Amino acid sequence: MTLLDEPTTEETPSTGIFRLERRITTVLTVIVSAGVIALMLLCIADIVLRNIGSPINLNSVEIIDVAIVPLALLGLLPALVSRVHVETGLLVDRLSPKTRSLIVAIALAICVPFLVWAVIQTTGAAIQSTGIREARYGLAQVPIWPSKISIPIGLGLFTIGLALRAGFDFKRFFELSKAEKSGEK
């Protein structure tokens, strides 16, 4: 069993929220995958053009440097939902399901305020960057303000995903506690 168990239809009445999360995750997965493929193709095209001696410079290094961070952050929610992020159950695997649910819920709930703070700070940076049309200068001028806009979006969606998981685990804890009490009587 993993730290962030997938809620099933039987376990939660709020399946609409998890369905919406799945749809958002699907859209983000397509965006991030297309972005990574586009960056790979740009890099390959740049290498090919350099090897054939073309004077055309695609500035792939500057573009990839700016584009990779938002792609990674937009991929946080899909990684959380599909459970491909790094996680370990080392601390909670041997606990009872009730205790495990409580500890995981508390740990996730502790993370959420810090992520909210990060979203607020990166939103401020994105607004400022957009206002001045911030760009990175190298061999070419590459605008970084679109990347800065996507950072709080990715962090915000990830924060919502963690909050949903925390709520789900708190709910599971209370349901298991209730079942345990009714089983004892």
N, C-alpha and C. Protein backbone atom coordinates (compact mmCIF):
# COMPACT_ATOMS: atom_id res chain seq x y z
N MET A 1 0.84 -1.18 0.00
CA MET A 1 0.00 0.00 0.00
C MET A 1 0.89 1.24 0.00
N THR A 2 0.56 2.23 -0.81
CA THR A 2 1.37 3.44 -0.90
C THR A 2 0.83 4.52 0.03
N LEU A 3 1.60 5.58 0.19
CA LEU A 3 1.18 6.67 1.06
C LEU A 3 -0.09 7.33 0.56
N LEU A 4 -0.20 7.50 -0.72
CA LEU A 4 -1.35 8.20 -1.29
C LEU A 4 -2.21 7.21 -2.05
N ASP A 5 -2.97 6.43 -1.31
CA ASP A 5 -3.80 5.42 -1.95
C ASP A 5 -4.86 6.07 -2.81
N GLU A 6 -5.14 5.44 -3.92
CA GLU A 6 -6.15 5.94 -4.85
C GLU A 6 -7.54 5.75 -4.25
N PRO A 7 -8.30 6.83 -4.11
CA PRO A 7 -9.66 6.66 -3.60
C PRO A 7 -10.51 5.91 -4.62
N THR A 8 -11.32 5.00 -4.13
CA THR A 8 -12.21 4.27 -5.02
C THR A 8 -13.62 4.83 -4.91
N THR A 9 -14.46 4.47 -5.85
CA THR A 9 -15.84 4.97 -5.88
C THR A 9 -16.58 4.59 -4.60
N GLU A 10 -16.31 3.40 -4.09
CA GLU A 10 -17.02 2.95 -2.90
C GLU A 10 -16.57 3.71 -1.65
N GLU A 11 -15.33 4.20 -1.64
CA GLU A 11 -14.79 4.80 -0.44
C GLU A 11 -15.19 6.25 -0.24
N THR A 12 -15.49 6.95 -1.29
CA THR A 12 -15.74 8.38 -1.16
C THR A 12 -16.95 8.82 -1.98
N PRO A 13 -17.83 9.62 -1.37
CA PRO A 13 -18.96 10.14 -2.13
C PRO A 13 -18.58 11.31 -3.02
N SER A 14 -17.41 11.89 -2.80
CA SER A 14 -17.00 13.06 -3.57
C SER A 14 -16.27 12.66 -4.85
N THR A 15 -16.80 11.68 -5.55
CA THR A 15 -16.13 11.20 -6.76
C THR A 15 -16.09 12.26 -7.84
N GLY A 16 -17.00 13.22 -7.81
CA GLY A 16 -16.98 14.29 -8.81
C GLY A 16 -15.69 15.09 -8.74
N ILE A 17 -15.20 15.33 -7.53
CA ILE A 17 -13.95 16.07 -7.37
C ILE A 17 -12.79 15.26 -7.93
N PHE A 18 -12.78 13.97 -7.64
CA PHE A 18 -11.69 13.14 -8.15
C PHE A 18 -11.78 12.96 -9.66
N ARG A 19 -13.01 12.96 -10.21
CA ARG A 19 -13.17 12.91 -11.66
C ARG A 19 -12.62 14.19 -12.30
N LEU A 20 -12.91 15.34 -11.69
CA LEU A 20 -12.38 16.61 -12.19
C LEU A 20 -10.86 16.61 -12.11
N GLU A 21 -10.33 16.09 -11.00
CA GLU A 21 -8.88 16.00 -10.85
C GLU A 21 -8.28 15.14 -11.96
N ARG A 22 -8.94 14.04 -12.29
CA ARG A 22 -8.46 13.17 -13.38
C ARG A 22 -8.47 13.90 -14.72
N ARG A 23 -9.52 14.67 -14.98
CA ARG A 23 -9.59 15.41 -16.24
C ARG A 23 -8.48 16.45 -16.33
N ILE A 24 -8.29 17.19 -15.24
CA ILE A 24 -7.21 18.19 -15.21
C ILE A 24 -5.87 17.49 -15.40
N THR A 25 -5.70 16.36 -14.75
CA THR A 25 -4.46 15.60 -14.86
C THR A 25 -4.22 15.14 -16.29
N THR A 26 -5.27 14.70 -16.97
CA THR A 26 -5.14 14.27 -18.36
C THR A 26 -4.69 15.43 -19.24
N VAL A 27 -5.31 16.59 -19.06
CA VAL A 27 -4.94 17.78 -19.85
C VAL A 27 -3.49 18.16 -19.56
N LEU A 28 -3.12 18.19 -18.29
CA LEU A 28 -1.74 18.54 -17.93
C LEU A 28 -0.74 17.52 -18.48
N THR A 29 -1.09 16.26 -18.44
CA THR A 29 -0.21 15.22 -18.98
C THR A 29 0.04 15.44 -20.46
N VAL A 30 -1.02 15.77 -21.20
CA VAL A 30 -0.87 16.04 -22.64
C VAL A 30 0.01 17.27 -22.86
N ILE A 31 -0.24 18.34 -22.09
CA ILE A 31 0.55 19.57 -22.25
C ILE A 31 2.02 19.32 -21.94
N VAL A 32 2.28 18.67 -20.81
CA VAL A 32 3.67 18.42 -20.40
C VAL A 32 4.35 17.48 -21.38
N SER A 33 3.67 16.43 -21.80
CA SER A 33 4.26 15.49 -22.76
C SER A 33 4.57 16.17 -24.08
N ALA A 34 3.63 16.96 -24.57
CA ALA A 34 3.86 17.69 -25.83
C ALA A 34 5.01 18.68 -25.67
N GLY A 35 5.08 19.33 -24.51
CA GLY A 35 6.18 20.27 -24.27
C GLY A 35 7.53 19.59 -24.25
N VAL A 36 7.61 18.45 -23.59
CA VAL A 36 8.89 17.72 -23.53
C VAL A 36 9.27 17.22 -24.92
N ILE A 37 8.31 16.70 -25.66
CA ILE A 37 8.59 16.25 -27.03
C ILE A 37 9.06 17.41 -27.90
N ALA A 38 8.39 18.56 -27.77
CA ALA A 38 8.79 19.74 -28.55
C ALA A 38 10.21 20.17 -28.20
N LEU A 39 10.56 20.15 -26.91
CA LEU A 39 11.92 20.52 -26.51
C LEU A 39 12.94 19.51 -27.03
N MET A 40 12.59 18.23 -27.02
CA MET A 40 13.50 17.22 -27.57
C MET A 40 13.71 17.43 -29.07
N LEU A 41 12.63 17.68 -29.79
CA LEU A 41 12.74 17.92 -31.24
C LEU A 41 13.54 19.18 -31.53
N LEU A 42 13.34 20.22 -30.72
CA LEU A 42 14.12 21.45 -30.88
C LEU A 42 15.60 21.19 -30.68
N CYS A 43 15.92 20.42 -29.65
CA CYS A 43 17.32 20.09 -29.37
C CYS A 43 17.93 19.27 -30.50
N ILE A 44 17.19 18.28 -30.98
CA ILE A 44 17.68 17.45 -32.09
C ILE A 44 17.89 18.29 -33.34
N ALA A 45 16.93 19.15 -33.65
CA ALA A 45 17.05 20.01 -34.83
C ALA A 45 18.25 20.93 -34.71
N ASP A 46 18.48 21.47 -33.52
CA ASP A 46 19.62 22.35 -33.30
C ASP A 46 20.93 21.60 -33.50
N ILE A 47 21.02 20.38 -32.99
CA ILE A 47 22.23 19.57 -33.15
C ILE A 47 22.47 19.24 -34.62
N VAL A 48 21.41 18.85 -35.32
CA VAL A 48 21.54 18.52 -36.75
C VAL A 48 22.01 19.74 -37.53
N LEU A 49 21.40 20.89 -37.27
CA LEU A 49 21.79 22.11 -37.99
C LEU A 49 23.24 22.49 -37.70
N ARG A 50 23.68 22.33 -36.47
CA ARG A 50 25.07 22.64 -36.14
C ARG A 50 26.03 21.68 -36.86
N ASN A 51 25.64 20.39 -36.91
CA ASN A 51 26.52 19.39 -37.53
C ASN A 51 26.63 19.55 -39.04
N ILE A 52 25.61 20.09 -39.69
CA ILE A 52 25.71 20.28 -41.14
C ILE A 52 26.27 21.66 -41.48
N GLY A 53 26.65 22.41 -40.46
CA GLY A 53 27.29 23.69 -40.68
C GLY A 53 26.34 24.82 -41.03
N SER A 54 25.10 24.69 -40.68
CA SER A 54 24.11 25.73 -40.98
C SER A 54 24.35 26.96 -40.10
N PRO A 55 24.17 28.15 -40.68
CA PRO A 55 24.32 29.37 -39.88
C PRO A 55 23.09 29.63 -38.99
N ILE A 56 22.04 28.84 -39.14
CA ILE A 56 20.82 29.04 -38.36
C ILE A 56 21.05 28.56 -36.93
N ASN A 57 20.73 29.41 -35.96
CA ASN A 57 20.86 29.07 -34.56
C ASN A 57 19.46 29.06 -33.95
N LEU A 58 19.01 27.91 -33.50
CA LEU A 58 17.66 27.79 -32.94
C LEU A 58 17.59 28.20 -31.46
N ASN A 59 18.72 28.50 -30.86
CA ASN A 59 18.78 28.92 -29.46
C ASN A 59 18.11 27.90 -28.53
N SER A 60 18.33 26.65 -28.81
CA SER A 60 17.65 25.61 -28.03
C SER A 60 18.08 25.62 -26.57
N VAL A 61 19.33 25.93 -26.29
CA VAL A 61 19.80 25.92 -24.91
C VAL A 61 19.03 26.94 -24.08
N GLU A 62 18.88 28.16 -24.60
CA GLU A 62 18.16 29.20 -23.87
C GLU A 62 16.69 28.85 -23.70
N ILE A 63 16.08 28.32 -24.75
CA ILE A 63 14.65 27.99 -24.70
C ILE A 63 14.39 26.83 -23.74
N ILE A 64 15.22 25.79 -23.83
CA ILE A 64 15.04 24.63 -22.95
C ILE A 64 15.26 25.03 -21.49
N ASP A 65 16.25 25.87 -21.26
CA ASP A 65 16.55 26.33 -19.91
C ASP A 65 15.35 27.04 -19.28
N VAL A 66 14.64 27.81 -20.07
CA VAL A 66 13.48 28.55 -19.57
C VAL A 66 12.23 27.67 -19.50
N ALA A 67 12.07 26.73 -20.42
CA ALA A 67 10.83 25.96 -20.52
C ALA A 67 10.77 24.72 -19.63
N ILE A 68 11.90 24.22 -19.18
CA ILE A 68 11.89 22.95 -18.46
C ILE A 68 11.28 23.07 -17.06
N VAL A 69 11.49 24.20 -16.39
CA VAL A 69 10.96 24.37 -15.03
C VAL A 69 9.43 24.36 -15.00
N PRO A 70 8.77 25.17 -15.84
CA PRO A 70 7.30 25.10 -15.80
C PRO A 70 6.75 23.73 -16.21
N LEU A 71 7.43 23.06 -17.13
CA LEU A 71 6.97 21.71 -17.50
C LEU A 71 7.05 20.77 -16.30
N ALA A 72 8.13 20.88 -15.55
CA ALA A 72 8.28 20.03 -14.36
C ALA A 72 7.21 20.34 -13.32
N LEU A 73 6.94 21.62 -13.10
CA LEU A 73 5.94 21.99 -12.09
C LEU A 73 4.52 21.67 -12.54
N LEU A 74 4.24 21.80 -13.83
CA LEU A 74 2.92 21.42 -14.33
C LEU A 74 2.73 19.90 -14.28
N GLY A 75 3.83 19.17 -14.20
CA GLY A 75 3.75 17.72 -14.11
C GLY A 75 3.62 17.18 -12.70
N LEU A 76 3.62 18.06 -11.69
CA LEU A 76 3.52 17.57 -10.31
C LEU A 76 2.18 16.90 -10.01
N LEU A 77 1.08 17.52 -10.41
CA LEU A 77 -0.23 16.91 -10.14
C LEU A 77 -0.40 15.59 -10.88
N PRO A 78 -0.08 15.52 -12.18
CA PRO A 78 -0.18 14.21 -12.83
C PRO A 78 0.70 13.14 -12.17
N ALA A 79 1.88 13.53 -11.71
CA ALA A 79 2.75 12.56 -11.02
C ALA A 79 2.13 12.11 -9.71
N LEU A 80 1.49 13.03 -9.00
CA LEU A 80 0.82 12.68 -7.74
C LEU A 80 -0.33 11.72 -7.98
N VAL A 81 -1.17 12.04 -8.96
CA VAL A 81 -2.36 11.24 -9.22
C VAL A 81 -2.00 9.86 -9.76
N SER A 82 -1.00 9.80 -10.65
CA SER A 82 -0.64 8.51 -11.24
C SER A 82 0.38 7.75 -10.40
N ARG A 83 0.79 8.33 -9.29
CA ARG A 83 1.73 7.72 -8.35
C ARG A 83 3.09 7.38 -8.96
N VAL A 84 3.60 8.26 -9.82
CA VAL A 84 4.93 8.04 -10.38
C VAL A 84 5.97 8.93 -9.71
N HIS A 85 5.54 9.74 -8.74
CA HIS A 85 6.49 10.55 -8.00
C HIS A 85 7.20 9.67 -6.98
N VAL A 86 8.25 10.20 -6.40
CA VAL A 86 9.01 9.43 -5.42
C VAL A 86 8.25 9.44 -4.11
N GLU A 87 7.98 8.27 -3.59
CA GLU A 87 7.35 8.15 -2.29
C GLU A 87 7.84 6.86 -1.64
N THR A 88 7.79 6.85 -0.36
CA THR A 88 8.18 5.64 0.34
C THR A 88 7.21 5.40 1.49
N GLY A 89 6.85 4.19 1.65
CA GLY A 89 5.96 3.82 2.74
C GLY A 89 6.71 3.28 3.93
N LEU A 90 8.02 3.48 3.94
CA LEU A 90 8.88 2.92 4.97
C LEU A 90 8.37 3.22 6.38
N LEU A 91 7.90 4.44 6.61
CA LEU A 91 7.48 4.83 7.95
C LEU A 91 6.07 4.37 8.30
N VAL A 92 5.24 4.11 7.32
CA VAL A 92 3.84 3.85 7.62
C VAL A 92 3.33 2.48 7.17
N ASP A 93 4.12 1.73 6.43
CA ASP A 93 3.65 0.46 5.89
C ASP A 93 3.24 -0.55 6.96
N ARG A 94 3.91 -0.55 8.08
CA ARG A 94 3.62 -1.56 9.11
C ARG A 94 2.54 -1.12 10.09
N LEU A 95 2.02 0.07 9.90
CA LEU A 95 0.97 0.57 10.78
C LEU A 95 -0.38 0.04 10.33
N SER A 96 -1.33 0.10 11.22
CA SER A 96 -2.70 -0.30 10.86
C SER A 96 -3.24 0.72 9.85
N PRO A 97 -4.21 0.32 9.03
CA PRO A 97 -4.78 1.26 8.05
C PRO A 97 -5.31 2.54 8.70
N LYS A 98 -5.90 2.42 9.87
CA LYS A 98 -6.44 3.59 10.57
C LYS A 98 -5.32 4.56 10.96
N THR A 99 -4.29 4.05 11.60
CA THR A 99 -3.16 4.88 12.02
C THR A 99 -2.42 5.45 10.81
N ARG A 100 -2.23 4.62 9.81
CA ARG A 100 -1.56 5.06 8.59
C ARG A 100 -2.33 6.22 7.95
N SER A 101 -3.64 6.11 7.86
CA SER A 101 -4.45 7.17 7.27
C SER A 101 -4.30 8.47 8.05
N LEU A 102 -4.29 8.38 9.38
CA LEU A 102 -4.15 9.58 10.20
C LEU A 102 -2.79 10.23 10.01
N ILE A 103 -1.73 9.45 10.04
CA ILE A 103 -0.38 10.01 9.91
C ILE A 103 -0.17 10.62 8.54
N VAL A 104 -0.61 9.94 7.50
CA VAL A 104 -0.47 10.48 6.14
C VAL A 104 -1.28 11.76 5.99
N ALA A 105 -2.49 11.77 6.53
CA ALA A 105 -3.33 12.97 6.45
C ALA A 105 -2.68 14.15 7.16
N ILE A 106 -2.13 13.91 8.34
CA ILE A 106 -1.47 14.99 9.08
C ILE A 106 -0.25 15.48 8.32
N ALA A 107 0.55 14.56 7.79
CA ALA A 107 1.75 14.96 7.04
C ALA A 107 1.38 15.80 5.82
N LEU A 108 0.36 15.38 5.09
CA LEU A 108 -0.07 16.15 3.92
C LEU A 108 -0.64 17.50 4.33
N ALA A 109 -1.41 17.51 5.42
CA ALA A 109 -1.99 18.77 5.90
C ALA A 109 -0.91 19.75 6.34
N ILE A 110 0.19 19.25 6.86
CA ILE A 110 1.31 20.12 7.24
C ILE A 110 1.96 20.72 6.00
N CYS A 111 2.03 19.97 4.92
CA CYS A 111 2.66 20.46 3.68
C CYS A 111 1.83 21.54 2.99
N VAL A 112 0.52 21.46 3.09
CA VAL A 112 -0.36 22.36 2.33
C VAL A 112 -0.11 23.84 2.62
N PRO A 113 0.00 24.30 3.89
CA PRO A 113 0.24 25.74 4.11
C PRO A 113 1.55 26.24 3.49
N PHE A 114 2.58 25.40 3.53
CA PHE A 114 3.85 25.80 2.92
C PHE A 114 3.71 25.93 1.40
N LEU A 115 2.95 25.04 0.81
CA LEU A 115 2.72 25.13 -0.63
C LEU A 115 1.85 26.33 -0.97
N VAL A 116 0.87 26.64 -0.12
CA VAL A 116 0.06 27.85 -0.34
C VAL A 116 0.95 29.08 -0.31
N TRP A 117 1.87 29.13 0.66
CA TRP A 117 2.81 30.24 0.73
C TRP A 117 3.65 30.31 -0.55
N ALA A 118 4.12 29.18 -1.04
CA ALA A 118 4.91 29.16 -2.28
C ALA A 118 4.08 29.65 -3.46
N VAL A 119 2.81 29.26 -3.51
CA VAL A 119 1.93 29.73 -4.60
C VAL A 119 1.78 31.24 -4.53
N ILE A 120 1.58 31.78 -3.34
CA ILE A 120 1.43 33.23 -3.18
C ILE A 120 2.70 33.95 -3.63
N GLN A 121 3.84 33.46 -3.20
CA GLN A 121 5.11 34.11 -3.56
C GLN A 121 5.38 34.03 -5.05
N THR A 122 5.16 32.87 -5.65
CA THR A 122 5.43 32.73 -7.08
C THR A 122 4.40 33.49 -7.92
N THR A 123 3.19 33.66 -7.40
CA THR A 123 2.20 34.48 -8.10
C THR A 123 2.65 35.93 -8.13
N GLY A 124 3.16 36.42 -7.01
CA GLY A 124 3.70 37.79 -6.97
C GLY A 124 4.85 37.96 -7.95
N ALA A 125 5.74 36.98 -7.99
CA ALA A 125 6.86 37.05 -8.93
C ALA A 125 6.38 37.00 -10.37
N ALA A 126 5.35 36.20 -10.64
CA ALA A 126 4.80 36.10 -12.00
C ALA A 126 4.14 37.41 -12.42
N ILE A 127 3.42 38.04 -11.51
CA ILE A 127 2.78 39.33 -11.83
C ILE A 127 3.83 40.38 -12.13
N GLN A 128 4.86 40.43 -11.30
CA GLN A 128 5.94 41.39 -11.52
C GLN A 128 6.66 41.11 -12.84
N SER A 129 6.96 39.86 -13.10
CA SER A 129 7.66 39.49 -14.33
C SER A 129 6.83 39.82 -15.57
N THR A 130 5.53 39.58 -15.49
CA THR A 130 4.64 39.89 -16.61
C THR A 130 4.57 41.39 -16.84
N GLY A 131 4.54 42.15 -15.75
CA GLY A 131 4.47 43.61 -15.86
C GLY A 131 5.66 44.22 -16.57
N ILE A 132 6.83 43.65 -16.37
CA ILE A 132 8.03 44.20 -17.02
C ILE A 132 8.45 43.40 -18.25
N ARG A 133 7.63 42.39 -18.60
CA ARG A 133 7.94 41.53 -19.75
C ARG A 133 9.37 40.99 -19.64
N GLU A 134 9.64 40.37 -18.50
CA GLU A 134 10.98 39.88 -18.19
C GLU A 134 11.47 38.88 -19.24
N ALA A 135 12.74 39.01 -19.59
CA ALA A 135 13.35 38.12 -20.57
C ALA A 135 14.73 37.71 -20.08
N ARG A 136 15.21 36.62 -20.62
CA ARG A 136 16.55 36.14 -20.31
C ARG A 136 17.42 36.40 -21.53
N TYR A 137 18.58 36.93 -21.28
CA TYR A 137 19.47 37.26 -22.39
C TYR A 137 20.62 36.27 -22.42
N GLY A 138 20.85 35.72 -23.57
CA GLY A 138 21.97 34.84 -23.84
C GLY A 138 22.37 35.12 -25.26
N LEU A 139 22.45 34.09 -26.08
CA LEU A 139 22.65 34.33 -27.50
C LEU A 139 21.41 34.95 -28.11
N ALA A 140 20.29 34.73 -27.45
CA ALA A 140 19.02 35.31 -27.91
C ALA A 140 18.22 35.76 -26.70
N GLN A 141 17.29 36.66 -26.94
CA GLN A 141 16.40 37.11 -25.87
C GLN A 141 15.21 36.15 -25.81
N VAL A 142 15.05 35.50 -24.66
CA VAL A 142 13.96 34.54 -24.48
C VAL A 142 13.06 35.06 -23.36
N PRO A 143 11.78 35.30 -23.64
CA PRO A 143 10.88 35.78 -22.57
C PRO A 143 10.67 34.70 -21.51
N ILE A 144 10.82 35.10 -20.25
CA ILE A 144 10.61 34.13 -19.17
C ILE A 144 9.31 34.37 -18.42
N TRP A 145 8.63 35.46 -18.71
CA TRP A 145 7.39 35.72 -17.99
C TRP A 145 6.31 34.67 -18.23
N PRO A 146 6.19 34.06 -19.43
CA PRO A 146 5.19 32.99 -19.55
C PRO A 146 5.52 31.78 -18.65
N SER A 147 6.81 31.50 -18.52
CA SER A 147 7.22 30.41 -17.64
C SER A 147 6.88 30.72 -16.19
N LYS A 148 7.09 31.97 -15.80
CA LYS A 148 6.80 32.36 -14.42
C LYS A 148 5.30 32.33 -14.13
N ILE A 149 4.47 32.51 -15.14
CA ILE A 149 3.03 32.41 -14.94
C ILE A 149 2.63 30.96 -14.66
N SER A 150 3.27 30.02 -15.34
CA SER A 150 2.88 28.61 -15.18
C SER A 150 3.36 28.01 -13.86
N ILE A 151 4.34 28.60 -13.22
CA ILE A 151 4.86 28.05 -11.97
C ILE A 151 3.81 28.06 -10.86
N PRO A 152 3.16 29.20 -10.56
CA PRO A 152 2.13 29.14 -9.51
C PRO A 152 0.92 28.29 -9.91
N ILE A 153 0.66 28.19 -11.21
CA ILE A 153 -0.45 27.32 -11.65
C ILE A 153 -0.13 25.87 -11.31
N GLY A 154 1.08 25.42 -11.66
CA GLY A 154 1.48 24.04 -11.35
C GLY A 154 1.53 23.77 -9.86
N LEU A 155 2.11 24.71 -9.10
CA LEU A 155 2.16 24.54 -7.64
C LEU A 155 0.76 24.56 -7.03
N GLY A 156 -0.09 25.44 -7.54
CA GLY A 156 -1.46 25.53 -7.03
C GLY A 156 -2.25 24.25 -7.25
N LEU A 157 -2.14 23.70 -8.45
CA LEU A 157 -2.84 22.44 -8.74
C LEU A 157 -2.30 21.30 -7.87
N PHE A 158 -0.99 21.27 -7.68
CA PHE A 158 -0.38 20.26 -6.82
C PHE A 158 -0.87 20.42 -5.38
N THR A 159 -0.97 21.66 -4.91
CA THR A 159 -1.45 21.94 -3.56
C THR A 159 -2.88 21.45 -3.39
N ILE A 160 -3.72 21.72 -4.38
CA ILE A 160 -5.10 21.25 -4.33
C ILE A 160 -5.14 19.72 -4.29
N GLY A 161 -4.30 19.09 -5.10
CA GLY A 161 -4.23 17.63 -5.10
C GLY A 161 -3.82 17.07 -3.75
N LEU A 162 -2.82 17.69 -3.11
CA LEU A 162 -2.41 17.23 -1.78
C LEU A 162 -3.51 17.46 -0.75
N ALA A 163 -4.19 18.60 -0.84
CA ALA A 163 -5.28 18.88 0.10
C ALA A 163 -6.41 17.85 -0.05
N LEU A 164 -6.72 17.50 -1.30
CA LEU A 164 -7.74 16.47 -1.54
C LEU A 164 -7.32 15.14 -0.93
N ARG A 165 -6.06 14.78 -1.11
CA ARG A 165 -5.57 13.51 -0.55
C ARG A 165 -5.59 13.56 0.97
N ALA A 166 -5.22 14.70 1.56
CA ALA A 166 -5.27 14.82 3.02
C ALA A 166 -6.70 14.67 3.51
N GLY A 167 -7.63 15.33 2.84
CA GLY A 167 -9.04 15.21 3.22
C GLY A 167 -9.54 13.78 3.09
N PHE A 168 -9.13 13.13 2.01
CA PHE A 168 -9.52 11.73 1.81
C PHE A 168 -8.98 10.85 2.93
N ASP A 169 -7.72 11.07 3.33
CA ASP A 169 -7.13 10.24 4.38
C ASP A 169 -7.75 10.54 5.75
N PHE A 170 -8.08 11.82 6.02
CA PHE A 170 -8.79 12.13 7.27
C PHE A 170 -10.15 11.42 7.28
N LYS A 171 -10.84 11.47 6.16
CA LYS A 171 -12.15 10.83 6.04
C LYS A 171 -12.02 9.33 6.26
N ARG A 172 -11.00 8.72 5.66
CA ARG A 172 -10.77 7.29 5.84
C ARG A 172 -10.49 6.96 7.31
N PHE A 173 -9.69 7.81 7.97
CA PHE A 173 -9.40 7.60 9.39
C PHE A 173 -10.68 7.59 10.21
N PHE A 174 -11.54 8.58 9.99
CA PHE A 174 -12.78 8.65 10.77
C PHE A 174 -13.72 7.49 10.46
N GLU A 175 -13.77 7.07 9.21
CA GLU A 175 -14.60 5.92 8.84
C GLU A 175 -14.08 4.64 9.49
N LEU A 176 -12.75 4.46 9.49
CA LEU A 176 -12.17 3.27 10.12
C LEU A 176 -12.37 3.30 11.63
N SER A 177 -12.28 4.50 12.23
CA SER A 177 -12.52 4.63 13.67
C SER A 177 -13.96 4.28 14.00
N LYS A 178 -14.87 4.79 13.19
CA LYS A 178 -16.30 4.51 13.40
C LYS A 178 -16.59 3.02 13.25
N ALA A 179 -16.01 2.40 12.22
CA ALA A 179 -16.21 0.97 12.00
C ALA A 179 -15.61 0.15 13.14
N GLU A 180 -14.48 0.61 13.66
CA GLU A 180 -13.82 -0.09 14.76
C GLU A 180 -14.69 -0.02 16.03
N LYS A 181 -15.27 1.16 16.29
CA LYS A 181 -16.12 1.32 17.48
C LYS A 181 -17.41 0.51 17.35
N SER A 182 -18.00 0.51 16.17
CA SER A 182 -19.24 -0.25 15.99
C SER A 182 -18.96 -1.76 16.01
N GLY A 183 -17.76 -2.16 15.66
CA GLY A 183 -17.39 -3.57 15.69
C GLY A 183 -17.13 -4.05 17.10
N GLU A 184 -16.74 -3.16 18.01
CA GLU A 184 -16.45 -3.52 19.39
C GLU A 184 -17.73 -3.68 20.21
N LYS A 185 -18.77 -2.98 19.82
CA LYS A 185 -20.01 -3.01 20.61
C LYS A 185 -20.84 -4.22 20.33
